[in-house]
C-alpha cells in the first residue's frame, strides 16, 4: 500500500486568548488531536459548520498556523517533509513550491496594483523557478491557458474581471510553482451557482491532467458530493466521521453528519421538514463540553456521552466514526 501524500498525527493547534485581571491567558484549541490521511491524487473533502476548525487544519498542513502538538508528514515520492519541524529556509521554500493555497475570496486575494501577468509571475520570480523574463512569460502563458484565461487578459488588472474570472486567476497563481498539493479553502463559496460549476470542473480537470491532490474545505455538502472522493466531517476541532464520499452519503453514522446531510435542500416535496433542528449554537472551542463535544446538541446524548470522549474508530466500508452508539442509532430519528 502506497504512503499517503499527507499524514496528520495527533495534531493540535492552539491560540492564547487574553485572560482576566488575575488569571493568565486562556488557550483556545482550534484543532484538537486530529488524525488524518490524504491519499495521493485524491480530492479530499473537509466539511463542518463555521468555527469547527476546518480552515485552521488546512492552514496548519501548509505550515501557516502554529502547531502545538503532533506531526504532519508530506511525502510525494520525490520529497519528504516533516512540516511541523521544518526550520531550514531551503526546506521551507521547497515545501512552499509543492503545497499551495487557493483563497476563498477572489476579490480580496489579488493585488489591485498588479496586472494578471505579474500576479501569476510573482511566485515564479520570488522562488527562483524561472531565470529570465522570456522563460517567466512562457510559463505564465502556459498556466493561463490551463486555467482558461486568454493572452489579452494578462495585461489587465483584477478590477476588470468577474468573480469567476478572478478565481481562475487565483488558481493560476497557485499553480505557478507547479505544486503537488492544493488546499482549496471555500474556493467557490463566494461565487454564483453557475460559476461554481465552472470552477469545480476546472479543478477536477487540473487534478486529472496534472495528478494533483486537493484538500477541499467547504460547508456545502452538495458541492462536496459532486467533486470529492473522500470526506472528513469536523466539529469543534475534532474529526467525528470520515468515509469514502458515496459511503458517507449513503450511510452516515455520526448524528452530526446525519444532521448536516438532512439540511441539504431537496426538490422533493416529501422531503420538506426532514431537516434536523439542532438545538443551541456550537460551543466555544475555548471551553468545549466534557466527553463528546457534540453531546450538548445531540438528540440522542446519554450519560456516557458526558463522561467519556468517543475515539474515532473503524467501521464497515472504510468508515470511521466517533460515536459511542453509532451501531445502535443507525436509522434512528430525533423525537
C-alpha atoms as a PDB file:
ATOM      1  CA  UNK A   1       0.000   0.000   0.000  1.00  0.00           C
ATOM      2  CA  UNK A   2       1.420   3.390  -1.030  1.00  0.00           C
ATOM      3  CA  UNK A   3       2.072   6.076   1.529  1.00  0.00           C
ATOM      4  CA  UNK A   4      -0.438   8.952   1.740  1.00  0.00           C
ATOM      5  CA  UNK A   5       0.655  12.331   0.431  1.00  0.00           C
ATOM      6  CA  UNK A   6      -0.305  13.964   3.746  1.00  0.00           C
ATOM      7  CA  UNK A   7      -0.332  12.168   7.090  1.00  0.00           C
ATOM      8  CA  UNK A   8      -1.558  14.074  10.145  1.00  0.00           C
ATOM      9  CA  UNK A   9      -0.942  12.510  13.566  1.00  0.00           C
ATOM     10  CA  UNK A  10      -2.417  13.792  16.856  1.00  0.00           C
ATOM     11  CA  UNK A  11      -2.343  17.365  15.558  1.00  0.00           C
ATOM     12  CA  UNK A  12      -3.338  20.229  17.842  1.00  0.00           C
ATOM     13  CA  UNK A  13      -3.365  23.933  17.021  1.00  0.00           C
ATOM     14  CA  UNK A  14      -3.972  26.425  19.800  1.00  0.00           C
ATOM     15  CA  UNK A  15      -4.041  30.176  20.317  1.00  0.00           C
ATOM     16  CA  UNK A  16      -3.676  32.224  23.500  1.00  0.00           C
ATOM     17  CA  UNK A  17      -6.640  34.420  24.396  1.00  0.00           C
ATOM     18  CA  UNK A  18      -6.337  37.328  26.792  1.00  0.00           C
ATOM     19  CA  UNK A  19      -7.212  36.287  30.336  1.00  0.00           C
ATOM     20  CA  UNK A  20      -8.779  38.187  33.212  1.00  0.00           C
ATOM     21  CA  UNK A  21      -7.099  40.600  35.578  1.00  0.00           C
ATOM     22  CA  UNK A  22      -5.722  37.860  37.843  1.00  0.00           C
ATOM     23  CA  UNK A  23      -5.534  34.842  35.553  1.00  0.00           C
ATOM     24  CA  UNK A  24      -3.212  34.001  32.708  1.00  0.00           C
ATOM     25  CA  UNK A  25      -4.193  33.590  29.082  1.00  0.00           C
ATOM     26  CA  UNK A  26      -6.873  31.088  28.104  1.00  0.00           C
ATOM     27  CA  UNK A  27      -5.787  28.591  25.480  1.00  0.00           C
ATOM     28  CA  UNK A  28      -8.178  28.076  22.574  1.00  0.00           C
ATOM     29  CA  UNK A  29      -7.687  24.726  20.804  1.00  0.00           C
ATOM     30  CA  UNK A  30      -8.931  25.298  17.279  1.00  0.00           C
ATOM     31  CA  UNK A  31      -7.741  21.814  16.252  1.00  0.00           C
ATOM     32  CA  UNK A  32      -7.517  19.094  18.896  1.00  0.00           C
ATOM     33  CA  UNK A  33      -5.697  15.746  18.394  1.00  0.00           C
ATOM     34  CA  UNK A  34      -6.678  15.221  14.773  1.00  0.00           C
ATOM     35  CA  UNK A  35      -5.507  12.167  12.805  1.00  0.00           C
ATOM     36  CA  UNK A  36      -5.954  12.221   9.044  1.00  0.00           C
ATOM     37  CA  UNK A  37      -4.506  10.703   5.866  1.00  0.00           C
ATOM     38  CA  UNK A  38      -4.903  12.303   2.421  1.00  0.00           C
ATOM     39  CA  UNK A  39      -4.076   9.837  -0.399  1.00  0.00           C
ATOM     40  CA  UNK A  40      -2.059  10.955  -3.411  1.00  0.00           C
ATOM     41  CA  UNK A  41      -4.194  12.095  -6.317  1.00  0.00           C
ATOM     42  CA  UNK A  42      -7.380  12.352  -4.257  1.00  0.00           C
ATOM     43  CA  UNK A  43      -9.959  15.125  -3.998  1.00  0.00           C
ATOM     44  CA  UNK A  44     -10.400  15.059  -0.220  1.00  0.00           C
ATOM     45  CA  UNK A  45     -13.323  16.972   1.324  1.00  0.00           C
ATOM     46  CA  UNK A  46     -13.351  18.570   4.774  1.00  0.00           C
ATOM     47  CA  UNK A  47     -16.751  19.782   5.984  1.00  0.00           C
ATOM     48  CA  UNK A  48     -18.341  21.250   9.097  1.00  0.00           C
ATOM     49  CA  UNK A  49     -20.016  24.367  10.452  1.00  0.00           C
ATOM     50  CA  UNK A  50     -18.281  27.729  10.713  1.00  0.00           C
ATOM     51  CA  UNK A  51     -15.972  27.626  13.728  1.00  0.00           C
ATOM     52  CA  UNK A  52     -15.352  23.879  13.514  1.00  0.00           C
ATOM     53  CA  UNK A  53     -11.620  24.307  12.750  1.00  0.00           C
ATOM     54  CA  UNK A  54     -11.624  23.394   9.027  1.00  0.00           C
ATOM     55  CA  UNK A  55      -9.621  26.388   7.832  1.00  0.00           C
ATOM     56  CA  UNK A  56      -7.171  26.142  10.735  1.00  0.00           C
ATOM     57  CA  UNK A  57      -6.479  22.494   9.937  1.00  0.00           C
ATOM     58  CA  UNK A  58      -5.871  23.337   6.275  1.00  0.00           C
ATOM     59  CA  UNK A  59      -3.518  26.168   7.173  1.00  0.00           C
ATOM     60  CA  UNK A  60      -1.641  24.006   9.677  1.00  0.00           C
ATOM     61  CA  UNK A  61      -0.991  21.437   6.937  1.00  0.00           C
ATOM     62  CA  UNK A  62       0.513  24.291   4.880  1.00  0.00           C
ATOM     63  CA  UNK A  63       2.613  25.435   7.864  1.00  0.00           C
ATOM     64  CA  UNK A  64       0.600  28.634   8.101  1.00  0.00           C
ATOM     65  CA  UNK A  65      -0.826  28.032  11.609  1.00  0.00           C
ATOM     66  CA  UNK A  66       1.014  27.320  14.883  1.00  0.00           C
ATOM     67  CA  UNK A  67       1.327  23.601  15.622  1.00  0.00           C
ATOM     68  CA  UNK A  68       1.138  22.986  19.383  1.00  0.00           C
ATOM     69  CA  UNK A  69       1.352  19.173  19.324  1.00  0.00           C
ATOM     70  CA  UNK A  70       1.507  16.314  16.866  1.00  0.00           C
ATOM     71  CA  UNK A  71       3.085  15.901  13.453  1.00  0.00           C
ATOM     72  CA  UNK A  72       2.334  16.454   9.767  1.00  0.00           C
ATOM     73  CA  UNK A  73       4.280  14.481   7.176  1.00  0.00           C
ATOM     74  CA  UNK A  74       4.339  15.284   3.461  1.00  0.00           C
ATOM     75  CA  UNK A  75       5.653  12.637   1.041  1.00  0.00           C
ATOM     76  CA  UNK A  76       5.137  12.910  -2.741  1.00  0.00           C
ATOM     77  CA  UNK A  77       7.716  10.273  -3.645  1.00  0.00           C
ATOM     78  CA  UNK A  78      10.351  12.862  -4.598  1.00  0.00           C
ATOM     79  CA  UNK A  79      10.472  14.902  -1.404  1.00  0.00           C
ATOM     80  CA  UNK A  80       9.525  14.205   2.183  1.00  0.00           C
ATOM     81  CA  UNK A  81       8.959  16.905   4.785  1.00  0.00           C
ATOM     82  CA  UNK A  82       8.143  16.920   8.490  1.00  0.00           C
ATOM     83  CA  UNK A  83       6.021  20.057   8.199  1.00  0.00           C
ATOM     84  CA  UNK A  84       5.887  20.978  11.866  1.00  0.00           C
ATOM     85  CA  UNK A  85       9.636  20.561  12.396  1.00  0.00           C
ATOM     86  CA  UNK A  86      10.811  22.459   9.310  1.00  0.00           C
ATOM     87  CA  UNK A  87      13.184  25.320  10.181  1.00  0.00           C
ATOM     88  CA  UNK A  88      15.676  25.415   7.310  1.00  0.00           C
ATOM     89  CA  UNK A  89      14.728  28.134   4.789  1.00  0.00           C
ATOM     90  CA  UNK A  90      15.624  25.952   1.834  1.00  0.00           C
ATOM     91  CA  UNK A  91      13.397  23.131   3.069  1.00  0.00           C
ATOM     92  CA  UNK A  92      10.513  25.537   3.737  1.00  0.00           C
ATOM     93  CA  UNK A  93      10.915  27.052   0.252  1.00  0.00           C
ATOM     94  CA  UNK A  94      10.797  23.593  -1.326  1.00  0.00           C
ATOM     95  CA  UNK A  95       7.638  22.739   0.607  1.00  0.00           C
ATOM     96  CA  UNK A  96       6.036  26.059  -0.392  1.00  0.00           C
ATOM     97  CA  UNK A  97       6.603  25.120  -4.041  1.00  0.00           C
ATOM     98  CA  UNK A  98       4.887  21.762  -3.519  1.00  0.00           C
ATOM     99  CA  UNK A  99       1.906  22.885  -1.396  1.00  0.00           C
ATOM    100  CA  UNK A 100      -0.229  25.914  -2.229  1.00  0.00           C
ATOM    101  CA  UNK A 101      -3.468  27.587  -1.105  1.00  0.00           C
ATOM    102  CA  UNK A 102      -6.417  28.754  -3.211  1.00  0.00           C
ATOM    103  CA  UNK A 103      -8.103  31.530  -1.246  1.00  0.00           C
ATOM    104  CA  UNK A 104     -11.817  31.868  -0.596  1.00  0.00           C
ATOM    105  CA  UNK A 105     -12.389  35.455  -1.702  1.00  0.00           C
ATOM    106  CA  UNK A 106     -11.167  36.178  -5.255  1.00  0.00           C
ATOM    107  CA  UNK A 107     -11.832  39.885  -4.726  1.00  0.00           C
ATOM    108  CA  UNK A 108      -9.524  40.255  -1.711  1.00  0.00           C
ATOM    109  CA  UNK A 109      -6.853  37.733  -2.761  1.00  0.00           C
ATOM    110  CA  UNK A 110      -5.476  39.682  -5.740  1.00  0.00           C
ATOM    111  CA  UNK A 111      -3.447  42.895  -5.610  1.00  0.00           C
ATOM    112  CA  UNK A 112      -5.310  45.666  -7.470  1.00  0.00           C
ATOM    113  CA  UNK A 113      -1.966  47.266  -8.424  1.00  0.00           C
ATOM    114  CA  UNK A 114      -0.615  44.276 -10.340  1.00  0.00           C
ATOM    115  CA  UNK A 115      -1.535  43.019 -13.796  1.00  0.00           C
ATOM    116  CA  UNK A 116      -2.661  39.414 -14.177  1.00  0.00           C
ATOM    117  CA  UNK A 117       0.692  38.607 -15.778  1.00  0.00           C
ATOM    118  CA  UNK A 118       2.583  39.947 -12.738  1.00  0.00           C
ATOM    119  CA  UNK A 119       0.253  38.181 -10.283  1.00  0.00           C
ATOM    120  CA  UNK A 120       0.932  34.790 -11.875  1.00  0.00           C
ATOM    121  CA  UNK A 121       4.636  35.541 -12.390  1.00  0.00           C
ATOM    122  CA  UNK A 122       5.327  36.667  -8.816  1.00  0.00           C
ATOM    123  CA  UNK A 123       5.770  33.185  -7.221  1.00  0.00           C
ATOM    124  CA  UNK A 124       7.911  32.089 -10.183  1.00  0.00           C
ATOM    125  CA  UNK A 125      10.281  35.018  -9.657  1.00  0.00           C
ATOM    126  CA  UNK A 126      10.266  35.009  -5.829  1.00  0.00           C
ATOM    127  CA  UNK A 127      11.002  31.264  -5.643  1.00  0.00           C
ATOM    128  CA  UNK A 128      13.599  31.439  -8.409  1.00  0.00           C
ATOM    129  CA  UNK A 129      11.746  28.896 -10.569  1.00  0.00           C
ATOM    130  CA  UNK A 130      12.371  30.849 -13.773  1.00  0.00           C
ATOM    131  CA  UNK A 131      15.601  32.695 -14.601  1.00  0.00           C
ATOM    132  CA  UNK A 132      14.688  35.045 -17.456  1.00  0.00           C
ATOM    133  CA  UNK A 133      11.701  37.192 -18.326  1.00  0.00           C
ATOM    134  CA  UNK A 134      11.139  35.200 -21.508  1.00  0.00           C
ATOM    135  CA  UNK A 135      11.059  31.941 -19.514  1.00  0.00           C
ATOM    136  CA  UNK A 136       8.669  33.514 -17.000  1.00  0.00           C
ATOM    137  CA  UNK A 137       6.350  34.801 -19.734  1.00  0.00           C
ATOM    138  CA  UNK A 138       6.260  31.381 -21.408  1.00  0.00           C
ATOM    139  CA  UNK A 139       5.367  29.706 -18.117  1.00  0.00           C
ATOM    140  CA  UNK A 140       2.705  32.357 -17.351  1.00  0.00           C
ATOM    141  CA  UNK A 141       1.044  31.854 -20.759  1.00  0.00           C
ATOM    142  CA  UNK A 142       1.047  28.084 -20.262  1.00  0.00           C
ATOM    143  CA  UNK A 143      -0.615  28.348 -16.836  1.00  0.00           C
ATOM    144  CA  UNK A 144      -3.114  30.951 -18.069  1.00  0.00           C
ATOM    145  CA  UNK A 145      -4.174  28.640 -20.907  1.00  0.00           C
ATOM    146  CA  UNK A 146      -4.707  25.752 -18.461  1.00  0.00           C
ATOM    147  CA  UNK A 147      -6.967  27.997 -16.384  1.00  0.00           C
ATOM    148  CA  UNK A 148      -8.866  29.193 -19.451  1.00  0.00           C
ATOM    149  CA  UNK A 149      -7.511  32.744 -19.399  1.00  0.00           C
ATOM    150  CA  UNK A 150      -6.837  34.494 -22.701  1.00  0.00           C
ATOM    151  CA  UNK A 151      -3.488  36.111 -23.538  1.00  0.00           C
ATOM    152  CA  UNK A 152      -5.081  39.572 -23.610  1.00  0.00           C
ATOM    153  CA  UNK A 153      -6.256  39.024 -20.018  1.00  0.00           C
ATOM    154  CA  UNK A 154      -2.631  39.071 -18.855  1.00  0.00           C
ATOM    155  CA  UNK A 155      -2.308  42.825 -19.498  1.00  0.00           C
ATOM    156  CA  UNK A 156      -5.364  43.758 -17.435  1.00  0.00           C
ATOM    157  CA  UNK A 157      -5.837  44.469 -13.742  1.00  0.00           C
ATOM    158  CA  UNK A 158      -8.096  42.390 -11.418  1.00  0.00           C
ATOM    159  CA  UNK A 159     -10.873  45.008 -11.230  1.00  0.00           C
ATOM    160  CA  UNK A 160     -11.669  44.343 -14.912  1.00  0.00           C
ATOM    161  CA  UNK A 161     -12.792  40.761 -14.236  1.00  0.00           C
ATOM    162  CA  UNK A 162     -15.852  38.990 -12.858  1.00  0.00           C
ATOM    163  CA  UNK A 163     -15.733  36.833  -9.728  1.00  0.00           C
ATOM    164  CA  UNK A 164     -15.316  33.602 -11.677  1.00  0.00           C
ATOM    165  CA  UNK A 165     -12.500  35.057 -13.792  1.00  0.00           C
ATOM    166  CA  UNK A 166     -10.749  36.332 -10.670  1.00  0.00           C
ATOM    167  CA  UNK A 167     -10.956  32.908  -9.114  1.00  0.00           C
ATOM    168  CA  UNK A 168      -9.348  31.406 -12.222  1.00  0.00           C
ATOM    169  CA  UNK A 169      -6.546  33.974 -11.813  1.00  0.00           C
ATOM    170  CA  UNK A 170      -6.140  32.883  -8.160  1.00  0.00           C
ATOM    171  CA  UNK A 171      -5.958  29.242  -9.264  1.00  0.00           C
ATOM    172  CA  UNK A 172      -3.369  30.137 -11.911  1.00  0.00           C
ATOM    173  CA  UNK A 173      -1.227  31.870  -9.302  1.00  0.00           C
ATOM    174  CA  UNK A 174      -1.427  28.821  -7.026  1.00  0.00           C
ATOM    175  CA  UNK A 175      -0.424  26.584  -9.956  1.00  0.00           C
ATOM    176  CA  UNK A 176       2.577  28.715 -10.925  1.00  0.00           C
ATOM    177  CA  UNK A 177       5.172  26.916  -8.711  1.00  0.00           C
ATOM    178  CA  UNK A 178       3.969  23.523 -10.072  1.00  0.00           C
ATOM    179  CA  UNK A 179       2.633  22.226  -6.720  1.00  0.00           C
ATOM    180  CA  UNK A 180       1.590  18.649  -5.947  1.00  0.00           C
ATOM    181  CA  UNK A 181      -0.901  19.573  -3.199  1.00  0.00           C
ATOM    182  CA  UNK A 182      -3.510  22.336  -3.093  1.00  0.00           C
ATOM    183  CA  UNK A 183      -5.766  23.455  -0.253  1.00  0.00           C
ATOM    184  CA  UNK A 184      -8.954  24.978  -1.684  1.00  0.00           C
ATOM    185  CA  UNK A 185     -10.499  26.859   1.249  1.00  0.00           C
ATOM    186  CA  UNK A 186     -14.171  27.588   0.436  1.00  0.00           C
ATOM    187  CA  UNK A 187     -12.885  28.478  -3.032  1.00  0.00           C
ATOM    188  CA  UNK A 188     -16.346  28.568  -4.660  1.00  0.00           C
ATOM    189  CA  UNK A 189     -18.408  29.860  -1.718  1.00  0.00           C
ATOM    190  CA  UNK A 190     -18.401  33.484  -2.926  1.00  0.00           C
ATOM    191  CA  UNK A 191     -19.476  32.623  -6.493  1.00  0.00           C
ATOM    192  CA  UNK A 192     -22.839  32.217  -8.214  1.00  0.00           C
ATOM    193  CA  UNK A 193     -24.029  28.635  -8.633  1.00  0.00           C
ATOM    194  CA  UNK A 194     -23.400  28.535 -12.405  1.00  0.00           C
ATOM    195  CA  UNK A 195     -19.885  29.910 -11.913  1.00  0.00           C
ATOM    196  CA  UNK A 196     -19.271  27.417  -9.088  1.00  0.00           C
ATOM    197  CA  UNK A 197     -19.842  24.551 -11.516  1.00  0.00           C
ATOM    198  CA  UNK A 198     -17.324  26.038 -13.962  1.00  0.00           C
ATOM    199  CA  UNK A 199     -14.637  26.416 -11.290  1.00  0.00           C
ATOM    200  CA  UNK A 200     -15.269  22.939  -9.874  1.00  0.00           C
ATOM    201  CA  UNK A 201     -14.951  21.396 -13.332  1.00  0.00           C
ATOM    202  CA  UNK A 202     -11.696  23.314 -13.802  1.00  0.00           C
ATOM    203  CA  UNK A 203     -10.299  21.980 -10.505  1.00  0.00           C
ATOM    204  CA  UNK A 204     -11.303  18.402 -11.353  1.00  0.00           C
ATOM    205  CA  UNK A 205      -9.696  18.744 -14.782  1.00  0.00           C
ATOM    206  CA  UNK A 206      -6.469  20.026 -13.237  1.00  0.00           C
ATOM    207  CA  UNK A 207      -6.493  17.148 -10.754  1.00  0.00           C
ATOM    208  CA  UNK A 208      -6.855  14.653 -13.578  1.00  0.00           C
ATOM    209  CA  UNK A 209      -4.385  16.234 -16.022  1.00  0.00           C
ATOM    210  CA  UNK A 210      -1.638  17.191 -13.559  1.00  0.00           C
ATOM    211  CA  UNK A 211      -2.047  14.449 -10.953  1.00  0.00           C
ATOM    212  CA  UNK A 212      -2.769  16.973  -8.201  1.00  0.00           C
ATOM    213  CA  UNK A 213      -4.069  16.251  -4.713  1.00  0.00           C
ATOM    214  CA  UNK A 214      -6.707  18.578  -3.246  1.00  0.00           C
ATOM    215  CA  UNK A 215      -7.924  19.274   0.273  1.00  0.00           C
ATOM    216  CA  UNK A 216     -11.310  20.833  -0.486  1.00  0.00           C
ATOM    217  CA  UNK A 217     -12.681  22.735   2.529  1.00  0.00           C
ATOM    218  CA  UNK A 218     -16.379  23.539   2.328  1.00  0.00           C
ATOM    219  CA  UNK A 219     -19.616  23.893   4.263  1.00  0.00           C
ATOM    220  CA  UNK A 220     -21.675  22.969   1.181  1.00  0.00           C
ATOM    221  CA  UNK A 221     -22.279  19.223   1.227  1.00  0.00           C
ATOM    222  CA  UNK A 222     -23.960  19.203  -2.179  1.00  0.00           C
ATOM    223  CA  UNK A 223     -20.732  20.530  -3.713  1.00  0.00           C
ATOM    224  CA  UNK A 224     -18.646  18.024  -1.754  1.00  0.00           C
ATOM    225  CA  UNK A 225     -20.825  15.163  -3.017  1.00  0.00           C
ATOM    226  CA  UNK A 226     -20.153  16.272  -6.592  1.00  0.00           C
ATOM    227  CA  UNK A 227     -16.357  16.572  -6.521  1.00  0.00           C
ATOM    228  CA  UNK A 228     -14.801  14.692  -3.600  1.00  0.00           C
ATOM    229  CA  UNK A 229     -13.546  11.102  -3.372  1.00  0.00           C
ATOM    230  CA  UNK A 230     -13.376  11.001   0.421  1.00  0.00           C
ATOM    231  CA  UNK A 231     -14.904  13.209   3.121  1.00  0.00           C
ATOM    232  CA  UNK A 232     -13.954  14.074   6.709  1.00  0.00           C
ATOM    233  CA  UNK A 233     -16.517  15.755   8.990  1.00  0.00           C
ATOM    234  CA  UNK A 234     -15.208  18.152  11.644  1.00  0.00           C
ATOM    235  CA  UNK A 235     -16.927  19.503  14.754  1.00  0.00           C
ATOM    236  CA  UNK A 236     -15.386  21.826  17.347  1.00  0.00           C
ATOM    237  CA  UNK A 237     -11.787  20.971  16.500  1.00  0.00           C
ATOM    238  CA  UNK A 238     -12.241  17.182  16.257  1.00  0.00           C
ATOM    239  CA  UNK A 239     -12.981  14.777  13.416  1.00  0.00           C
ATOM    240  CA  UNK A 240     -16.256  12.980  14.069  1.00  0.00           C
ATOM    241  CA  UNK A 241     -16.505  10.887  10.885  1.00  0.00           C
ATOM    242  CA  UNK A 242     -14.507  10.027   7.763  1.00  0.00           C
ATOM    243  CA  UNK A 243     -15.517   7.821   4.833  1.00  0.00           C
ATOM    244  CA  UNK A 244     -15.470   7.491   1.042  1.00  0.00           C
ATOM    245  CA  UNK A 245     -17.967  10.012  -0.318  1.00  0.00           C
ATOM    246  CA  UNK A 246     -20.555   7.525  -1.558  1.00  0.00           C
ATOM    247  CA  UNK A 247     -20.457   5.547   1.672  1.00  0.00           C
ATOM    248  CA  UNK A 248     -20.823   8.685   3.792  1.00  0.00           C
ATOM    249  CA  UNK A 249     -23.835   9.999   1.874  1.00  0.00           C
ATOM    250  CA  UNK A 250     -25.491   6.578   1.643  1.00  0.00           C
ATOM    251  CA  UNK A 251     -24.975   5.617   5.280  1.00  0.00           C
ATOM    252  CA  UNK A 252     -23.899   8.419   7.642  1.00  0.00           C
ATOM    253  CA  UNK A 253     -23.128   7.035  11.092  1.00  0.00           C
ATOM    254  CA  UNK A 254     -22.500  10.036  13.331  1.00  0.00           C
ATOM    255  CA  UNK A 255     -25.543  12.079  14.471  1.00  0.00           C
ATOM    256  CA  UNK A 256     -23.789  15.310  13.482  1.00  0.00           C
ATOM    257  CA  UNK A 257     -23.143  14.042   9.942  1.00  0.00           C
ATOM    258  CA  UNK A 258     -26.762  12.930   9.666  1.00  0.00           C
ATOM    259  CA  UNK A 259     -27.930  16.366  10.812  1.00  0.00           C
ATOM    260  CA  UNK A 260     -25.750  18.072   8.184  1.00  0.00           C
ATOM    261  CA  UNK A 261     -26.997  15.783   5.409  1.00  0.00           C
ATOM    262  CA  UNK A 262     -30.619  16.270   6.435  1.00  0.00           C
ATOM    263  CA  UNK A 263     -30.219  20.013   5.875  1.00  0.00           C
ATOM    264  CA  UNK A 264     -29.255  19.683   2.180  1.00  0.00           C
ATOM    265  CA  UNK A 265     -32.080  21.370   0.181  1.00  0.00           C
ATOM    266  CA  UNK A 266     -34.228  18.977  -1.835  1.00  0.00           C
ATOM    267  CA  UNK A 267     -36.696  19.499  -4.697  1.00  0.00           C
ATOM    268  CA  UNK A 268     -38.790  16.552  -3.472  1.00  0.00           C
ATOM    269  CA  UNK A 269     -41.921  17.856  -1.666  1.00  0.00           C
ATOM    270  CA  UNK A 270     -41.919  14.738   0.518  1.00  0.00           C
ATOM    271  CA  UNK A 271     -38.536  15.747   1.935  1.00  0.00           C
ATOM    272  CA  UNK A 272     -39.807  19.044   3.345  1.00  0.00           C
ATOM    273  CA  UNK A 273     -39.389  19.294   7.071  1.00  0.00           C
ATOM    274  CA  UNK A 274     -36.952  16.375   7.256  1.00  0.00           C
ATOM    275  CA  UNK A 275     -34.031  18.553   8.384  1.00  0.00           C
ATOM    276  CA  UNK A 276     -32.937  18.008  11.974  1.00  0.00           C
ATOM    277  CA  UNK A 277     -33.213  21.162  14.035  1.00  0.00           C
ATOM    278  CA  UNK A 278     -30.086  21.109  16.196  1.00  0.00           C
ATOM    279  CA  UNK A 279     -30.608  22.917  19.484  1.00  0.00           C
ATOM    280  CA  UNK A 280     -28.295  25.730  20.532  1.00  0.00           C
ATOM    281  CA  UNK A 281     -25.089  27.076  18.988  1.00  0.00           C
ATOM    282  CA  UNK A 282     -21.736  25.422  18.501  1.00  0.00           C
ATOM    283  CA  UNK A 283     -19.884  25.750  21.862  1.00  0.00           C
ATOM    284  CA  UNK A 284     -16.754  27.850  22.264  1.00  0.00           C
ATOM    285  CA  UNK A 285     -13.523  25.955  21.492  1.00  0.00           C
ATOM    286  CA  UNK A 286     -12.013  27.797  24.469  1.00  0.00           C
ATOM    287  CA  UNK A 287     -14.404  25.894  26.753  1.00  0.00           C
ATOM    288  CA  UNK A 288     -15.542  22.697  24.990  1.00  0.00           C
ATOM    289  CA  UNK A 289     -18.042  20.318  26.656  1.00  0.00           C
ATOM    290  CA  UNK A 290     -16.778  17.293  28.538  1.00  0.00           C
ATOM    291  CA  UNK A 291     -16.925  13.894  26.869  1.00  0.00           C
ATOM    292  CA  UNK A 292     -18.413  14.015  23.390  1.00  0.00           C
ATOM    293  CA  UNK A 293     -18.246  17.572  22.098  1.00  0.00           C
ATOM    294  CA  UNK A 294     -21.470  17.189  20.148  1.00  0.00           C
ATOM    295  CA  UNK A 295     -23.493  15.964  23.139  1.00  0.00           C
ATOM    296  CA  UNK A 296     -24.879  19.421  24.043  1.00  0.00           C
ATOM    297  CA  UNK A 297     -26.722  19.490  20.694  1.00  0.00           C
ATOM    298  CA  UNK A 298     -27.194  15.767  20.057  1.00  0.00           C
ATOM    299  CA  UNK A 299     -30.796  14.487  20.344  1.00  0.00           C
ATOM    300  CA  UNK A 300     -29.503  11.030  21.348  1.00  0.00           C
ATOM    301  CA  UNK A 301     -26.998  12.062  24.074  1.00  0.00           C
ATOM    302  CA  UNK A 302     -26.722   9.834  27.165  1.00  0.00           C
ATOM    303  CA  UNK A 303     -24.773   9.848  30.424  1.00  0.00           C
ATOM    304  CA  UNK A 304     -21.779   8.084  28.865  1.00  0.00           C
ATOM    305  CA  UNK A 305     -21.501  10.872  26.297  1.00  0.00           C
ATOM    306  CA  UNK A 306     -20.795  13.427  29.048  1.00  0.00           C
ATOM    307  CA  UNK A 307     -18.338  11.214  30.919  1.00  0.00           C
ATOM    308  CA  UNK A 308     -16.274   9.661  28.107  1.00  0.00           C
ATOM    309  CA  UNK A 309     -14.936  11.195  24.926  1.00  0.00           C
ATOM    310  CA  UNK A 310     -15.508   8.838  21.962  1.00  0.00           C
ATOM    311  CA  UNK A 311     -12.498   7.894  19.854  1.00  0.00           C
ATOM    312  CA  UNK A 312     -12.577   7.820  16.056  1.00  0.00           C
ATOM    313  CA  UNK A 313     -12.942   4.085  15.413  1.00  0.00           C
ATOM    314  CA  UNK A 314     -13.103   1.992  12.235  1.00  0.00           C
ATOM    315  CA  UNK A 315     -16.446   0.735  10.950  1.00  0.00           C
ATOM    316  CA  UNK A 316     -17.538  -1.084   7.764  1.00  0.00           C
ATOM    317  CA  UNK A 317     -16.959   0.194   4.206  1.00  0.00           C
ATOM    318  CA  UNK A 318     -13.998   2.404   5.061  1.00  0.00           C
ATOM    319  CA  UNK A 319     -15.954   4.378   7.622  1.00  0.00           C
ATOM    320  CA  UNK A 320     -14.518   5.824  10.818  1.00  0.00           C
ATOM    321  CA  UNK A 321     -16.777   7.482  13.351  1.00  0.00           C
ATOM    322  CA  UNK A 322     -16.505   8.976  16.833  1.00  0.00           C
ATOM    323  CA  UNK A 323     -19.819   7.983  18.422  1.00  0.00           C
ATOM    324  CA  UNK A 324     -20.314   5.540  21.315  1.00  0.00           C
ATOM    325  CA  UNK A 325     -23.670   4.364  19.961  1.00  0.00           C
ATOM    326  CA  UNK A 326     -23.207   4.556  16.165  1.00  0.00           C
ATOM    327  CA  UNK A 327     -24.413   0.996  15.512  1.00  0.00           C
ATOM    328  CA  UNK A 328     -27.423   1.330  17.816  1.00  0.00           C
ATOM    329  CA  UNK A 329     -28.507   4.727  16.458  1.00  0.00           C
ATOM    330  CA  UNK A 330     -28.274   3.895  12.754  1.00  0.00           C
ATOM    331  CA  UNK A 331     -31.584   4.868  11.171  1.00  0.00           C
ATOM    332  CA  UNK A 332     -32.948   6.468  14.352  1.00  0.00           C
ATOM    333  CA  UNK A 333     -34.625   9.873  14.044  1.00  0.00           C
ATOM    334  CA  UNK A 334     -34.976  12.565  16.719  1.00  0.00           C
ATOM    335  CA  UNK A 335     -38.191  12.534  18.706  1.00  0.00           C
END
